[in-house]
Amino acid sequence: MPTFITQGRYSEAAIKGMTAKPDDRKQAVAALVEAAGGELLDYYVTLGDYDFLAISRAPDEQALLKVLITAGATGGVTGLTTTMAFSTAEFADAAAGARKLIEGFRPAGSH
């Protein structure tokens, strides 16, 4: 399953609600990701441009997109950004495959 890193910000309403009734959002996020067929690997509250960072695995981009749409539609989060991540072993496999492609590729401007 692909790995995704999602960052976002809590809405003002969410912060007010979490202040009035504090709870650990990790369980709620894990349940949402699992409902889409994925797995939440970890969840952090962060300082800086984003309020949280979630690392998850999902069957594909479409499954994770369902999670993001759900999170955004409920009004609790804003500014979501997601990056697909690859392990170093996955990168090594891709580099080996690229080596084969390089042999037959003619770059722009070459003759």
PDB file of N, CA and C in Angstrom:
ATOM      1  N   MET A   1       0.852  -1.183   0.000  1.00  0.00           N
ATOM      2  CA  MET A   1       0.000   0.000   0.000  1.00  0.00           C
ATOM      3  C   MET A   1       0.890   1.236   0.000  1.00  0.00           C
ATOM      4  N   PRO A   2       0.544   2.225  -0.794  1.00  0.00           N
ATOM      5  CA  PRO A   2       1.302   3.470  -0.796  1.00  0.00           C
ATOM      6  C   PRO A   2       1.239   4.187   0.560  1.00  0.00           C
ATOM      7  N   THR A   3       2.287   4.930   0.854  1.00  0.00           N
ATOM      8  CA  THR A   3       2.372   5.720   2.083  1.00  0.00           C
ATOM      9  C   THR A   3       2.121   7.183   1.744  1.00  0.00           C
ATOM     10  N   PHE A   4       1.356   7.855   2.583  1.00  0.00           N
ATOM     11  CA  PHE A   4       1.006   9.258   2.373  1.00  0.00           C
ATOM     12  C   PHE A   4       1.306  10.058   3.637  1.00  0.00           C
ATOM     13  N   ILE A   5       1.822  11.266   3.446  1.00  0.00           N
ATOM     14  CA  ILE A   5       2.059  12.198   4.551  1.00  0.00           C
ATOM     15  C   ILE A   5       1.120  13.379   4.326  1.00  0.00           C
ATOM     16  N   THR A   6       0.225  13.597   5.271  1.00  0.00           N
ATOM     17  CA  THR A   6      -0.755  14.675   5.152  1.00  0.00           C
ATOM     18  C   THR A   6      -0.519  15.686   6.265  1.00  0.00           C
ATOM     19  N   GLN A   7      -0.524  16.958   5.881  1.00  0.00           N
ATOM     20  CA  GLN A   7      -0.413  18.047   6.843  1.00  0.00           C
ATOM     21  C   GLN A   7      -1.633  18.945   6.681  1.00  0.00           C
ATOM     22  N   GLY A   8      -2.010  19.606   7.754  1.00  0.00           N
ATOM     23  CA  GLY A   8      -3.143  20.510   7.681  1.00  0.00           C
ATOM     24  C   GLY A   8      -3.236  21.382   8.915  1.00  0.00           C
ATOM     25  N   ARG A   9      -4.266  22.193   8.924  1.00  0.00           N
ATOM     26  CA  ARG A   9      -4.496  23.108  10.031  1.00  0.00           C
ATOM     27  C   ARG A   9      -5.883  22.842  10.604  1.00  0.00           C
ATOM     28  N   TYR A  10      -6.019  23.018  11.904  1.00  0.00           N
ATOM     29  CA  TYR A  10      -7.334  22.937  12.531  1.00  0.00           C
ATOM     30  C   TYR A  10      -8.069  24.242  12.276  1.00  0.00           C
ATOM     31  N   SER A  11      -9.364  24.153  12.051  1.00  0.00           N
ATOM     32  CA  SER A  11     -10.168  25.361  11.896  1.00  0.00           C
ATOM     33  C   SER A  11     -10.322  26.028  13.260  1.00  0.00           C
ATOM     34  N   GLU A  12     -10.740  27.271  13.241  1.00  0.00           N
ATOM     35  CA  GLU A  12     -10.970  27.995  14.495  1.00  0.00           C
ATOM     36  C   GLU A  12     -12.021  27.279  15.339  1.00  0.00           C
ATOM     37  N   ALA A  13     -13.073  26.809  14.678  1.00  0.00           N
ATOM     38  CA  ALA A  13     -14.132  26.091  15.398  1.00  0.00           C
ATOM     39  C   ALA A  13     -13.588  24.808  16.029  1.00  0.00           C
ATOM     40  N   ALA A  14     -12.708  24.109  15.320  1.00  0.00           N
ATOM     41  CA  ALA A  14     -12.130  22.876  15.862  1.00  0.00           C
ATOM     42  C   ALA A  14     -11.278  23.169  17.087  1.00  0.00           C
ATOM     43  N   ILE A  15     -10.481  24.224  17.026  1.00  0.00           N
ATOM     44  CA  ILE A  15      -9.633  24.571  18.169  1.00  0.00           C
ATOM     45  C   ILE A  15     -10.490  24.947  19.373  1.00  0.00           C
ATOM     46  N   LYS A  16     -11.557  25.707  19.138  1.00  0.00           N
ATOM     47  CA  LYS A  16     -12.463  26.051  20.236  1.00  0.00           C
ATOM     48  C   LYS A  16     -13.071  24.789  20.833  1.00  0.00           C
ATOM     49  N   GLY A  17     -13.497  23.871  19.990  1.00  0.00           N
ATOM     50  CA  GLY A  17     -14.096  22.635  20.468  1.00  0.00           C
ATOM     51  C   GLY A  17     -13.107  21.759  21.217  1.00  0.00           C
ATOM     52  N   MET A  18     -11.884  21.663  20.713  1.00  0.00           N
ATOM     53  CA  MET A  18     -10.871  20.840  21.373  1.00  0.00           C
ATOM     54  C   MET A  18     -10.426  21.461  22.689  1.00  0.00           C
ATOM     55  N   THR A  19     -10.511  22.780  22.788  1.00  0.00           N
ATOM     56  CA  THR A  19     -10.183  23.447  24.047  1.00  0.00           C
ATOM     57  C   THR A  19     -11.281  23.204  25.069  1.00  0.00           C
ATOM     58  N   ALA A  20     -12.531  23.276  24.633  1.00  0.00           N
ATOM     59  CA  ALA A  20     -13.660  23.054  25.543  1.00  0.00           C
ATOM     60  C   ALA A  20     -13.747  21.598  25.989  1.00  0.00           C
ATOM     61  N   LYS A  21     -13.428  20.677  25.086  1.00  0.00           N
ATOM     62  CA  LYS A  21     -13.505  19.247  25.393  1.00  0.00           C
ATOM     63  C   LYS A  21     -12.303  18.554  24.743  1.00  0.00           C
ATOM     64  N   PRO A  22     -11.144  18.584  25.406  1.00  0.00           N
ATOM     65  CA  PRO A  22      -9.934  17.997  24.818  1.00  0.00           C
ATOM     66  C   PRO A  22     -10.086  16.506  24.545  1.00  0.00           C
ATOM     67  N   ASP A  23      -9.572  16.099  23.381  1.00  0.00           N
ATOM     68  CA  ASP A  23      -9.529  14.677  23.066  1.00  0.00           C
ATOM     69  C   ASP A  23      -8.330  14.404  22.165  1.00  0.00           C
ATOM     70  N   ASP A  24      -7.940  13.166  22.120  1.00  0.00           N
ATOM     71  CA  ASP A  24      -6.806  12.736  21.303  1.00  0.00           C
ATOM     72  C   ASP A  24      -7.334  12.415  19.915  1.00  0.00           C
ATOM     73  N   ARG A  25      -7.027  13.243  18.939  1.00  0.00           N
ATOM     74  CA  ARG A  25      -7.567  13.086  17.596  1.00  0.00           C
ATOM     75  C   ARG A  25      -7.013  11.876  16.859  1.00  0.00           C
ATOM     76  N   LYS A  26      -5.945  11.288  17.364  1.00  0.00           N
ATOM     77  CA  LYS A  26      -5.322  10.163  16.664  1.00  0.00           C
ATOM     78  C   LYS A  26      -6.317   9.017  16.458  1.00  0.00           C
ATOM     79  N   GLN A  27      -7.111   8.698  17.472  1.00  0.00           N
ATOM     80  CA  GLN A  27      -8.060   7.597  17.343  1.00  0.00           C
ATOM     81  C   GLN A  27      -9.120   7.891  16.280  1.00  0.00           C
ATOM     82  N   ALA A  28      -9.618   9.113  16.246  1.00  0.00           N
ATOM     83  CA  ALA A  28     -10.639   9.479  15.263  1.00  0.00           C
ATOM     84  C   ALA A  28     -10.075   9.418  13.846  1.00  0.00           C
ATOM     85  N   VAL A  29      -8.847   9.908  13.678  1.00  0.00           N
ATOM     86  CA  VAL A  29      -8.213   9.883  12.357  1.00  0.00           C
ATOM     87  C   VAL A  29      -7.936   8.439  11.939  1.00  0.00           C
ATOM     88  N   ALA A  30      -7.472   7.618  12.872  1.00  0.00           N
ATOM     89  CA  ALA A  30      -7.211   6.207  12.572  1.00  0.00           C
ATOM     90  C   ALA A  30      -8.491   5.513  12.112  1.00  0.00           C
ATOM     91  N   ALA A  31      -9.592   5.777  12.784  1.00  0.00           N
ATOM     92  CA  ALA A  31     -10.866   5.154  12.412  1.00  0.00           C
ATOM     93  C   ALA A  31     -11.295   5.573  11.009  1.00  0.00           C
ATOM     94  N   LEU A  32     -11.091   6.842  10.673  1.00  0.00           N
ATOM     95  CA  LEU A  32     -11.450   7.338   9.345  1.00  0.00           C
ATOM     96  C   LEU A  32     -10.600   6.675   8.267  1.00  0.00           C
ATOM     97  N   VAL A  33      -9.301   6.618   8.480  1.00  0.00           N
ATOM     98  CA  VAL A  33      -8.398   5.997   7.502  1.00  0.00           C
ATOM     99  C   VAL A  33      -8.734   4.514   7.347  1.00  0.00           C
ATOM    100  N   GLU A  34      -9.004   3.838   8.447  1.00  0.00           N
ATOM    101  CA  GLU A  34      -9.353   2.413   8.400  1.00  0.00           C
ATOM    102  C   GLU A  34     -10.669   2.189   7.657  1.00  0.00           C
ATOM    103  N   ALA A  35     -11.631   3.089   7.826  1.00  0.00           N
ATOM    104  CA  ALA A  35     -12.908   2.969   7.120  1.00  0.00           C
ATOM    105  C   ALA A  35     -12.723   3.051   5.609  1.00  0.00           C
ATOM    106  N   ALA A  36     -11.657   3.701   5.171  1.00  0.00           N
ATOM    107  CA  ALA A  36     -11.347   3.808   3.740  1.00  0.00           C
ATOM    108  C   ALA A  36     -10.433   2.673   3.271  1.00  0.00           C
ATOM    109  N   GLY A  37     -10.150   1.727   4.165  1.00  0.00           N
ATOM    110  CA  GLY A  37      -9.327   0.581   3.792  1.00  0.00           C
ATOM    111  C   GLY A  37      -7.852   0.745   4.050  1.00  0.00           C
ATOM    112  N   GLY A  38      -7.485   1.807   4.775  1.00  0.00           N
ATOM    113  CA  GLY A  38      -6.077   2.087   5.027  1.00  0.00           C
ATOM    114  C   GLY A  38      -5.678   1.872   6.470  1.00  0.00           C
ATOM    115  N   GLU A  39      -4.515   2.403   6.799  1.00  0.00           N
ATOM    116  CA  GLU A  39      -3.962   2.270   8.153  1.00  0.00           C
ATOM    117  C   GLU A  39      -3.241   3.562   8.517  1.00  0.00           C
ATOM    118  N   LEU A  40      -3.553   4.116   9.666  1.00  0.00           N
ATOM    119  CA  LEU A  40      -2.829   5.275  10.167  1.00  0.00           C
ATOM    120  C   LEU A  40      -1.564   4.779  10.851  1.00  0.00           C
ATOM    121  N   LEU A  41      -0.407   5.209  10.367  1.00  0.00           N
ATOM    122  CA  LEU A  41       0.861   4.790  10.963  1.00  0.00           C
ATOM    123  C   LEU A  41       1.220   5.652  12.155  1.00  0.00           C
ATOM    124  N   ASP A  42       0.970   6.961  12.043  1.00  0.00           N
ATOM    125  CA  ASP A  42       1.215   7.862  13.171  1.00  0.00           C
ATOM    126  C   ASP A  42       0.560   9.205  12.914  1.00  0.00           C
ATOM    127  N   TYR A  43       0.382   9.957  13.985  1.00  0.00           N
ATOM    128  CA  TYR A  43      -0.288  11.252  13.921  1.00  0.00           C
ATOM    129  C   TYR A  43       0.393  12.169  14.928  1.00  0.00           C
ATOM    130  N   TYR A  44       0.773  13.341  14.479  1.00  0.00           N
ATOM    131  CA  TYR A  44       1.476  14.293  15.338  1.00  0.00           C
ATOM    132  C   TYR A  44       0.786  15.652  15.305  1.00  0.00           C
ATOM    133  N   VAL A  45       0.808  16.341  16.419  1.00  0.00           N
ATOM    134  CA  VAL A  45       0.471  17.757  16.463  1.00  0.00           C
ATOM    135  C   VAL A  45       1.794  18.480  16.275  1.00  0.00           C
ATOM    136  N   THR A  46       1.813  19.491  15.405  1.00  0.00           N
ATOM    137  CA  THR A  46       3.072  20.131  15.034  1.00  0.00           C
ATOM    138  C   THR A  46       3.019  21.646  15.238  1.00  0.00           C
ATOM    139  N   LEU A  47       4.182  22.229  15.312  1.00  0.00           N
ATOM    140  CA  LEU A  47       4.333  23.681  15.375  1.00  0.00           C
ATOM    141  C   LEU A  47       4.789  24.167  14.011  1.00  0.00           C
ATOM    142  N   GLY A  48       4.437  25.390  13.666  1.00  0.00           N
ATOM    143  CA  GLY A  48       4.875  25.943  12.383  1.00  0.00           C
ATOM    144  C   GLY A  48       3.694  26.208  11.474  1.00  0.00           C
ATOM    145  N   ASP A  49       3.889  25.988  10.179  1.00  0.00           N
ATOM    146  CA  ASP A  49       2.854  26.284   9.196  1.00  0.00           C
ATOM    147  C   ASP A  49       1.638  25.371   9.314  1.00  0.00           C
ATOM    148  N   TYR A  50       1.824  24.181   9.861  1.00  0.00           N
ATOM    149  CA  TYR A  50       0.734  23.218   9.965  1.00  0.00           C
ATOM    150  C   TYR A  50       0.519  22.825  11.428  1.00  0.00           C
ATOM    151  N   ASP A  51      -0.721  22.441  11.742  1.00  0.00           N
ATOM    152  CA  ASP A  51      -1.080  22.053  13.107  1.00  0.00           C
ATOM    153  C   ASP A  51      -0.927  20.555  13.352  1.00  0.00           C
ATOM    154  N   PHE A  52      -0.967  19.771  12.277  1.00  0.00           N
ATOM    155  CA  PHE A  52      -0.847  18.319  12.441  1.00  0.00           C
ATOM    156  C   PHE A  52      -0.197  17.686  11.220  1.00  0.00           C
ATOM    157  N   LEU A  53       0.303  16.479  11.441  1.00  0.00           N
ATOM    158  CA  LEU A  53       0.922  15.671  10.397  1.00  0.00           C
ATOM    159  C   LEU A  53       0.463  14.230  10.611  1.00  0.00           C
ATOM    160  N   ALA A  54      -0.095  13.630   9.577  1.00  0.00           N
ATOM    161  CA  ALA A  54      -0.553  12.245   9.645  1.00  0.00           C
ATOM    162  C   ALA A  54       0.207  11.418   8.628  1.00  0.00           C
ATOM    163  N   ILE A  55       0.690  10.273   9.049  1.00  0.00           N
ATOM    164  CA  ILE A  55       1.361   9.348   8.146  1.00  0.00           C
ATOM    165  C   ILE A  55       0.474   8.121   8.036  1.00  0.00           C
ATOM    166  N   SER A  56       0.048   7.816   6.828  1.00  0.00           N
ATOM    167  CA  SER A  56      -0.890   6.715   6.647  1.00  0.00           C
ATOM    168  C   SER A  56      -0.556   5.902   5.405  1.00  0.00           C
ATOM    169  N   ARG A  57      -1.127   4.721   5.376  1.00  0.00           N
ATOM    170  CA  ARG A  57      -1.075   3.879   4.180  1.00  0.00           C
ATOM    171  C   ARG A  57      -2.508   3.692   3.725  1.00  0.00           C
ATOM    172  N   ALA A  58      -2.694   3.681   2.425  1.00  0.00           N
ATOM    173  CA  ALA A  58      -4.022   3.460   1.856  1.00  0.00           C
ATOM    174  C   ALA A  58      -3.860   2.595   0.612  1.00  0.00           C
ATOM    175  N   PRO A  59      -4.919   1.887   0.227  1.00  0.00           N
ATOM    176  CA  PRO A  59      -4.808   1.015  -0.939  1.00  0.00           C
ATOM    177  C   PRO A  59      -4.367   1.760  -2.203  1.00  0.00           C
ATOM    178  N   ASP A  60      -4.804   3.010  -2.332  1.00  0.00           N
ATOM    179  CA  ASP A  60      -4.445   3.810  -3.505  1.00  0.00           C
ATOM    180  C   ASP A  60      -4.796   5.275  -3.228  1.00  0.00           C
ATOM    181  N   GLU A  61      -4.507   6.125  -4.211  1.00  0.00           N
ATOM    182  CA  GLU A  61      -4.762   7.552  -4.055  1.00  0.00           C
ATOM    183  C   GLU A  61      -6.247   7.841  -3.874  1.00  0.00           C
ATOM    184  N   GLN A  62      -7.099   7.087  -4.564  1.00  0.00           N
ATOM    185  CA  GLN A  62      -8.548   7.300  -4.470  1.00  0.00           C
ATOM    186  C   GLN A  62      -9.048   7.075  -3.050  1.00  0.00           C
ATOM    187  N   ALA A  63      -8.537   6.047  -2.389  1.00  0.00           N
ATOM    188  CA  ALA A  63      -8.945   5.763  -1.007  1.00  0.00           C
ATOM    189  C   ALA A  63      -8.534   6.908  -0.094  1.00  0.00           C
ATOM    190  N   LEU A  64      -7.318   7.410  -0.257  1.00  0.00           N
ATOM    191  CA  LEU A  64      -6.883   8.513   0.595  1.00  0.00           C
ATOM    192  C   LEU A  64      -7.661   9.781   0.270  1.00  0.00           C
ATOM    193  N   LEU A  65      -7.984   9.978  -1.001  1.00  0.00           N
ATOM    194  CA  LEU A  65      -8.769  11.147  -1.388  1.00  0.00           C
ATOM    195  C   LEU A  65     -10.111  11.164  -0.668  1.00  0.00           C
ATOM    196  N   LYS A  66     -10.723  10.010  -0.480  1.00  0.00           N
ATOM    197  CA  LYS A  66     -11.986   9.926   0.271  1.00  0.00           C
ATOM    198  C   LYS A  66     -11.790  10.412   1.703  1.00  0.00           C
ATOM    199  N   VAL A  67     -10.671  10.043   2.301  1.00  0.00           N
ATOM    200  CA  VAL A  67     -10.361  10.481   3.664  1.00  0.00           C
ATOM    201  C   VAL A  67     -10.219  12.003   3.702  1.00  0.00           C
ATOM    202  N   LEU A  68      -9.480  12.555   2.746  1.00  0.00           N
ATOM    203  CA  LEU A  68      -9.242  13.999   2.715  1.00  0.00           C
ATOM    204  C   LEU A  68     -10.526  14.777   2.487  1.00  0.00           C
ATOM    205  N   ILE A  69     -11.365  14.284   1.586  1.00  0.00           N
ATOM    206  CA  ILE A  69     -12.637  14.962   1.321  1.00  0.00           C
ATOM    207  C   ILE A  69     -13.511  14.937   2.574  1.00  0.00           C
ATOM    208  N   THR A  70     -13.554  13.806   3.242  1.00  0.00           N
ATOM    209  CA  THR A  70     -14.341  13.691   4.472  1.00  0.00           C
ATOM    210  C   THR A  70     -13.830  14.659   5.533  1.00  0.00           C
ATOM    211  N   ALA A  71     -12.513  14.680   5.739  1.00  0.00           N
ATOM    212  CA  ALA A  71     -11.932  15.572   6.747  1.00  0.00           C
ATOM    213  C   ALA A  71     -12.208  17.034   6.408  1.00  0.00           C
ATOM    214  N   GLY A  72     -12.063  17.398   5.144  1.00  0.00           N
ATOM    215  CA  GLY A  72     -12.298  18.783   4.734  1.00  0.00           C
ATOM    216  C   GLY A  72     -13.763  19.174   4.777  1.00  0.00           C
ATOM    217  N   ALA A  73     -14.644  18.241   4.439  1.00  0.00           N
ATOM    218  CA  ALA A  73     -16.079  18.542   4.376  1.00  0.00           C
ATOM    219  C   ALA A  73     -16.697  18.744   5.752  1.00  0.00           C
ATOM    220  N   THR A  74     -16.087  18.212   6.777  1.00  0.00           N
ATOM    221  CA  THR A  74     -16.663  18.323   8.114  1.00  0.00           C
ATOM    222  C   THR A  74     -16.345  19.651   8.794  1.00  0.00           C
ATOM    223  N   GLY A  75     -15.441  20.443   8.214  1.00  0.00           N
ATOM    224  CA  GLY A  75     -15.156  21.769   8.741  1.00  0.00           C
ATOM    225  C   GLY A  75     -14.131  21.845   9.847  1.00  0.00           C
ATOM    226  N   GLY A  76     -13.561  20.729  10.243  1.00  0.00           N
ATOM    227  CA  GLY A  76     -12.601  20.741  11.339  1.00  0.00           C
ATOM    228  C   GLY A  76     -11.175  21.041  10.925  1.00  0.00           C
ATOM    229  N   VAL A  77     -10.887  20.856   9.639  1.00  0.00           N
ATOM    230  CA  VAL A  77      -9.517  21.090   9.173  1.00  0.00           C
ATOM    231  C   VAL A  77      -9.523  21.929   7.905  1.00  0.00           C
ATOM    232  N   THR A  78      -8.420  22.604   7.674  1.00  0.00           N
ATOM    233  CA  THR A  78      -8.242  23.407   6.468  1.00  0.00           C
ATOM    234  C   THR A  78      -6.813  23.221   5.969  1.00  0.00           C
ATOM    235  N   GLY A  79      -6.550  23.711   4.781  1.00  0.00           N
ATOM    236  CA  GLY A  79      -5.194  23.748   4.248  1.00  0.00           C
ATOM    237  C   GLY A  79      -4.519  22.396   4.139  1.00  0.00           C
ATOM    238  N   LEU A  80      -5.264  21.369   3.768  1.00  0.00           N
ATOM    239  CA  LEU A  80      -4.674  20.038   3.680  1.00  0.00           C
ATOM    240  C   LEU A  80      -3.692  19.942   2.509  1.00  0.00           C
ATOM    241  N   THR A  81      -2.581  19.317   2.768  1.00  0.00           N
ATOM    242  CA  THR A  81      -1.611  19.025   1.719  1.00  0.00           C
ATOM    243  C   THR A  81      -1.092  17.609   1.947  1.00  0.00           C
ATOM    244  N   THR A  82      -1.007  16.839   0.878  1.00  0.00           N
ATOM    245  CA  THR A  82      -0.601  15.448   1.001  1.00  0.00           C
ATOM    246  C   THR A  82       0.527  15.141   0.035  1.00  0.00           C
ATOM    247  N   THR A  83       1.489  14.389   0.520  1.00  0.00           N
ATOM    248  CA  THR A  83       2.632  13.964  -0.268  1.00  0.00           C
ATOM    249  C   THR A  83       2.683  12.444  -0.249  1.00  0.00           C
ATOM    250  N   MET A  84       2.898  11.848  -1.409  1.00  0.00           N
ATOM    251  CA  MET A  84       3.094  10.403  -1.459  1.00  0.00           C
ATOM    252  C   MET A  84       4.557  10.136  -1.132  1.00  0.00           C
ATOM    253  N   ALA A  85       4.806   9.186  -0.242  1.00  0.00           N
ATOM    254  CA  ALA A  85       6.168   8.904   0.215  1.00  0.00           C
ATOM    255  C   ALA A  85       6.589   7.503  -0.225  1.00  0.00           C
ATOM    256  N   PHE A  86       7.892   7.331  -0.420  1.00  0.00           N
ATOM    257  CA  PHE A  86       8.449   6.052  -0.843  1.00  0.00           C
ATOM    258  C   PHE A  86       9.563   5.653   0.105  1.00  0.00           C
ATOM    259  N   SER A  87       9.647   4.375   0.406  1.00  0.00           N
ATOM    260  CA  SER A  87      10.754   3.893   1.231  1.00  0.00           C
ATOM    261  C   SER A  87      12.042   3.947   0.418  1.00  0.00           C
ATOM    262  N   THR A  88      13.166   3.846   1.094  1.00  0.00           N
ATOM    263  CA  THR A  88      14.439   3.852   0.373  1.00  0.00           C
ATOM    264  C   THR A  88      14.562   2.614  -0.513  1.00  0.00           C
ATOM    265  N   ALA A  89      13.986   1.497  -0.099  1.00  0.00           N
ATOM    266  CA  ALA A  89      14.006   0.285  -0.933  1.00  0.00           C
ATOM    267  C   ALA A  89      13.173   0.488  -2.200  1.00  0.00           C
ATOM    268  N   GLU A  90      12.014   1.144  -2.067  1.00  0.00           N
ATOM    269  CA  GLU A  90      11.193   1.443  -3.242  1.00  0.00           C
ATOM    270  C   GLU A  90      11.933   2.373  -4.196  1.00  0.00           C
ATOM    271  N   PHE A  91      12.653   3.348  -3.636  1.00  0.00           N
ATOM    272  CA  PHE A  91      13.433   4.249  -4.480  1.00  0.00           C
ATOM    273  C   PHE A  91      14.533   3.485  -5.211  1.00  0.00           C
ATOM    274  N   ALA A  92      15.220   2.586  -4.509  1.00  0.00           N
ATOM    275  CA  ALA A  92      16.299   1.805  -5.137  1.00  0.00           C
ATOM    276  C   ALA A  92      15.753   0.978  -6.296  1.00  0.00           C
ATOM    277  N   ASP A  93      14.583   0.380  -6.128  1.00  0.00           N
ATOM    278  CA  ASP A  93      13.958  -0.385  -7.216  1.00  0.00           C
ATOM    279  C   ASP A  93      13.644   0.525  -8.407  1.00  0.00           C
ATOM    280  N   ALA A  94      13.118   1.707  -8.124  1.00  0.00           N
ATOM    281  CA  ALA A  94      12.800   2.651  -9.195  1.00  0.00           C
ATOM    282  C   ALA A  94      14.064   3.122  -9.901  1.00  0.00           C
ATOM    283  N   ALA A  95      15.121   3.352  -9.145  1.00  0.00           N
ATOM    284  CA  ALA A  95      16.394   3.781  -9.746  1.00  0.00           C
ATOM    285  C   ALA A  95      16.945   2.692 -10.667  1.00  0.00           C
ATOM    286  N   ALA A  96      16.814   1.440 -10.256  1.00  0.00           N
ATOM    287  CA  ALA A  96      17.274   0.329 -11.104  1.00  0.00           C
ATOM    288  C   ALA A  96      16.464   0.279 -12.397  1.00  0.00           C
ATOM    289  N   GLY A  97      15.171   0.496 -12.297  1.00  0.00           N
ATOM    290  CA  GLY A  97      14.337   0.535 -13.491  1.00  0.00           C
ATOM    291  C   GLY A  97      14.655   1.723 -14.371  1.00  0.00           C
ATOM    292  N   ALA A  98      14.959   2.863 -13.747  1.00  0.00           N
ATOM    293  CA  ALA A  98      15.322   4.055 -14.515  1.00  0.00           C
ATOM    294  C   ALA A  98      16.633   3.840 -15.269  1.00  0.00           C
ATOM    295  N   ARG A  99      17.548   3.111 -14.672  1.00  0.00           N
ATOM    296  CA  ARG A  99      18.833   2.838 -15.337  1.00  0.00           C
ATOM    297  C   ARG A  99      18.581   2.176 -16.688  1.00  0.00           C
ATOM    298  N   LYS A 100      17.636   1.257 -16.758  1.00  0.00           N
ATOM    299  CA  LYS A 100      17.299   0.587 -18.009  1.00  0.00           C
ATOM    300  C   LYS A 100      16.672   1.564 -19.003  1.00  0.00           C
ATOM    301  N   LEU A 101      15.841   2.462 -18.513  1.00  0.00           N
ATOM    302  CA  LEU A 101      15.198   3.440 -19.385  1.00  0.00           C
ATOM    303  C   LEU A 101      16.197   4.453 -19.942  1.00  0.00           C
ATOM    304  N   ILE A 102      17.183   4.819 -19.125  1.00  0.00           N
ATOM    305  CA  ILE A 102      18.174   5.822 -19.550  1.00  0.00           C
ATOM    306  C   ILE A 102      18.912   5.369 -20.800  1.00  0.00           C
ATOM    307  N   GLU A 103      19.185   4.064 -20.891  1.00  0.00           N
ATOM    308  CA  GLU A 103      19.931   3.540 -22.024  1.00  0.00           C
ATOM    309  C   GLU A 103      19.246   3.828 -23.362  1.00  0.00           C
ATOM    310  N   GLY A 104      17.930   3.833 -23.405  1.00  0.00           N
ATOM    311  CA  GLY A 104      17.211   4.040 -24.663  1.00  0.00           C
ATOM    312  C   GLY A 104      16.595   5.411 -24.828  1.00  0.00           C
ATOM    313  N   PHE A 105      16.851   6.330 -23.901  1.00  0.00           N
ATOM    314  CA  PHE A 105      16.215   7.636 -23.953  1.00  0.00           C
ATOM    315  C   PHE A 105      17.137   8.679 -24.556  1.00  0.00           C
ATOM    316  N   ARG A 106      16.605   9.473 -25.479  1.00  0.00           N
ATOM    317  CA  ARG A 106      17.362  10.577 -26.075  1.00  0.00           C
ATOM    318  C   ARG A 106      16.844  11.874 -25.465  1.00  0.00           C
ATOM    319  N   PRO A 107      17.697  12.581 -24.701  1.00  0.00           N
ATOM    320  CA  PRO A 107      17.238  13.821 -24.055  1.00  0.00           C
ATOM    321  C   PRO A 107      16.984  14.931 -25.071  1.00  0.00           C
ATOM    322  N   ALA A 108      16.150  15.878 -24.678  1.00  0.00           N
ATOM    323  CA  ALA A 108      15.853  17.020 -25.536  1.00  0.00           C
ATOM    324  C   ALA A 108      17.134  17.742 -25.921  1.00  0.00           C
ATOM    325  N   GLY A 109      17.214  18.144 -27.157  1.00  0.00           N
ATOM    326  CA  GLY A 109      18.365  18.902 -27.637  1.00  0.00           C
ATOM    327  C   GLY A 109      19.544  18.055 -28.085  1.00  0.00           C
ATOM    328  N   SER A 110      19.477  16.734 -27.892  1.00  0.00           N
ATOM    329  CA  SER A 110      20.576  15.889 -28.359  1.00  0.00           C
ATOM    330  C   SER A 110      20.241  15.367 -29.744  1.00  0.00           C
ATOM    331  N   HIS A 111      21.257  14.947 -30.440  1.00  0.00           N
ATOM    332  CA  HIS A 111      21.041  14.473 -31.811  1.00  0.00           C
ATOM    333  C   HIS A 111      21.293  13.042 -31.911  1.00  0.00           C
TER     334      HIS A 111
END
